[in-house]
Amino acid sequence: MTLKRTLWLALILLTLVFAVIIIVLVGQRSANDANQSQMEAVVTAVRAAGDLDMRHDGIRGVVYQYAYGMTEGRASDMQLARNDFVEHESAMRSDIEVILKSSISTAVGEALENVKPDVEHYFSTAKAVLGSPTLTSVETNALKFQESFEVLEEKLGALSELIEGRTTSIGETNHAELNRTFTIVLAVVLAGLFGGAFGIWRFRKWLFNVLGGEPLELQNIAGAVSEGRLDEAMEERPGIYGRLLAMRNMLREQRTRDQAQMVRMSRLQQAIETASVGLMVADEEFKITYMNPAVTQALKNAEPEIRKRLPQFNADNLIGECIDVFHKNPEHQRRLLTQLNKPHDARLQLGDAYFDLTAGTIRDKQGAILGFVVQWSDISSQMAIEREVQEMVEKAKLGDLKKRIGLEGKEGFVRTLAEGLNELVGVIDLVLEDIREVMQRLAEGELQGRMRDDYQGGYDDLAQAANSSMERLDSIMRQLIDSSDSVRSSNQEISSGNNQLSERTEKQSSSLEETASSIEELSSNVRNTADNARQADQLSNLARDAAATGGEVTKRTVASMGEINEASRKIAEIIGVIDDIAFQTNLLALNASVEAARAGDQGRGFAVVATEVRNLAQRSATSAREIKDLIEDSVKKVQAGSKLVDESGKNLDEIILHVKKVSDLISDIAAATEEQSSGLAQVNKAVMELDEITQQNAALAEETASSAESSLDSVEQMVQLMSFFKVDGGQGAAVSAPKAASRVKAAPEPVAGKASKPASKPASKAESGDEDWEVF
């Protein structure tokens, strides 16, 4: 038996008990209505009988008053006695009619019919006394009056006894009804208590089977387990106690494993603490939880540079901070880290400080993310020497060989490298300076300039080749003057055409690459957007259906609350009726007590019964009012709940409307995404047309190259002549020297253009890497 079923049975039993009590009370109300009608008739008859007896005694007093007035000779007293007699006579006749109309019993009616002649005789004897003119006649008639008074007194006493007997009978009937009602209610209550006690006993037995022990004992065991005391003595039992025992044993085994794991982790932590490699660990929420001394010291050393970009940076307070402080695009970095399946290398720049990072994801056996680990390597010094070397190389590329790498603060390999590069650049600068002087003299038309002869290796070969070239150039320069102009003009035109075509082709190729890359990314984004839009459309439809279903459920709930409210109102009306019955019973008992007090000793027993009835009525009224208050409070709460449910239904209708609007918007987004996909197809077609144009340009370049080959005959003659530079310095050589110099200066331009293009490729790779790992 489940707890829910047990509680339902208890509720049903309680409901049955109250139902039986209500049925009994309703029946008691019907009986009380009948008894109340009879009691009202009896009270009326009792009052009339009492008044009849009082008037009977009053007429005797009137007769005595008349005789006293006759004796004293007071006419006023005699007249007053006659007037009082008329009043008493009328009242007695009225009382007799009231008793007859009450119809409280047949015996009372018959007795009253027998009393009527005696009453008339009593009236006639009284009138005879009141009509006596002399004192003697008064005394004679008074004897007859006294006899009729005693006869009527006896019969009125018998009538009163009959009425009192009827009153007693009705009281006993009411008392029997009350006893019967009390007995039934008591029996129902006792049966309910017995059933409840039996249910509680069964529930306790079932609960102990489920728990396996006393709740306090289970609480103590749970407290011991929560405090880590896993060695408390326990025995094998069923139910929750047994589950606690199994959990305790499992936790004890887990603690043993954790202690062993802690030892291993301690060894690993000590190894990491003493390692020279910087390690940083973050939890699954990207908050830094650990930094070994190496990474702390590295960040501490770079702290002044880092604060140029992060003014609030403090290497000693990073524990607990989020790693987003190092990233330009935290969302991108988080997505990248959560999708890592292998270590990822990146470079981080913070001001002038540079770090090589190797990031990895820490996962459990099921693949769930437990945290992240990052290896930090401070390469600021290496990057500094790289920048100096790059600066020196860039200046050397521009012809400035005076730049040298500073040796301050450099040690070891870095210092040796700097010294070697400085010596290398110095030698190159010396050779180039010597060549510059020779070329300067050549530019001035002097072909007698020579390089030094104390170089070694390749530089010596260069010097000898330069000197030989100058000697040969001097011997043949005059022969080349005439042909050089035409050849130079043709070659310049071809070179210009080739350069323009090459530049145009390169630009078109670069544009095609960028366009293709952009279209690929845009296509991927549009496909993802289309998929997401379709999924969102499906989810919005499901949400709309769920909201509609919720609206129907809320409407049914509102109807149920209304039915509960109506049932509570009817119960309140029934309790109100019970309260009215108790009030009427209380009034009846009060009237009975008053009449019993008037009856004197003969009504004392009836007064006790009336008091008991009144007490019982008061208790019934008190209980009825308490039940009515509880029912009314329940009705108010049910009404408040109905109001809240109505409001919930209205809010849910608004939610359904909004969900429908969202669903329509998502459908429009899906349609727009499909249109974007169609537009991308058109863009792709345009790229294909650009590719055809590039191929046409390539064909044009081939035609230009063919034209260049046609000029090779003239160039060949010039090459054969220039292979021997034997012309002595003279006027013709001096004139042609500037033209040759102009060709020498123009020649490096294509070379520089070719060199600049490969240099851009590493930059593009760096940009590609930044797309995966964006940092400051």
Foldseek 3Di string as FASTA:
>chain_A
DDPVVLVVVLVVLVVVLVVLLLVLLVVLLVVLVVLLLLLVLLLLLLVLLVLLLVLLVVLVVLLVQLLVCQVVVPVVSLVVSVVSLVVSLVSNVVSLVSNCVSCSDPVLNVLSVVLVVLSVQLSVLSVQLSPDPHSVSNVVSVVVNVVSSVVSNVSSVVSSVVSVVSNVVSLVVSVVSVVVSVVSSVVSVVVSVVVVVVSVVVVVVVVCLQAVDDPVVVVVLVVCVVVVNLPDDDDCTDHNSNVSVVVSVVVVVVVVVVVVVVVVVVVVVVVQQPDLWWKWKFFLVQATADTHPNVLVLCVVCVVQLCVQVVPDDSVPRHRPGPCVFFPDVVLQNVLALPDPAWDWDWGDRRLWIWIKIKHFDADPVRHTGIIMIIIDTCSVVVVLVVLVVVCVVVVVVVDLPRADDQPPDDDPSNVVRVVVNVVSVVVNVLVVQVVVCLVCLLQQALQRAGDCPDDDPSNVVRVVSNQLSQFQQFQVVVCLVLVVVLVVVVVVLVVVLVVLVVVLVVLVVVLVVLVVVLVVVLVVLVVLLVVLVVVLVVLVVVLVVLVVVLVVLVVVLVVLVVVLVVLVVVLVSLVSQLVSLVSQLVSLVSLLVSLVVVPPVSPVVNVSSVVSNVVSVVSNVVSVVVSVVSVVVSVVSVVVSVVSVVVSVVSVVVSVVSVVVSVVSVVSSVVSVVVSVVSVVVVVVSVVSVVVSVVSVVVSVVSVVVVVVSVVSVVVVVVSSVGSNRHRDDSSSVCSNVVVVVVVVVCPVVVVVVVVVVCVVVVVSVVVCSSGPGD
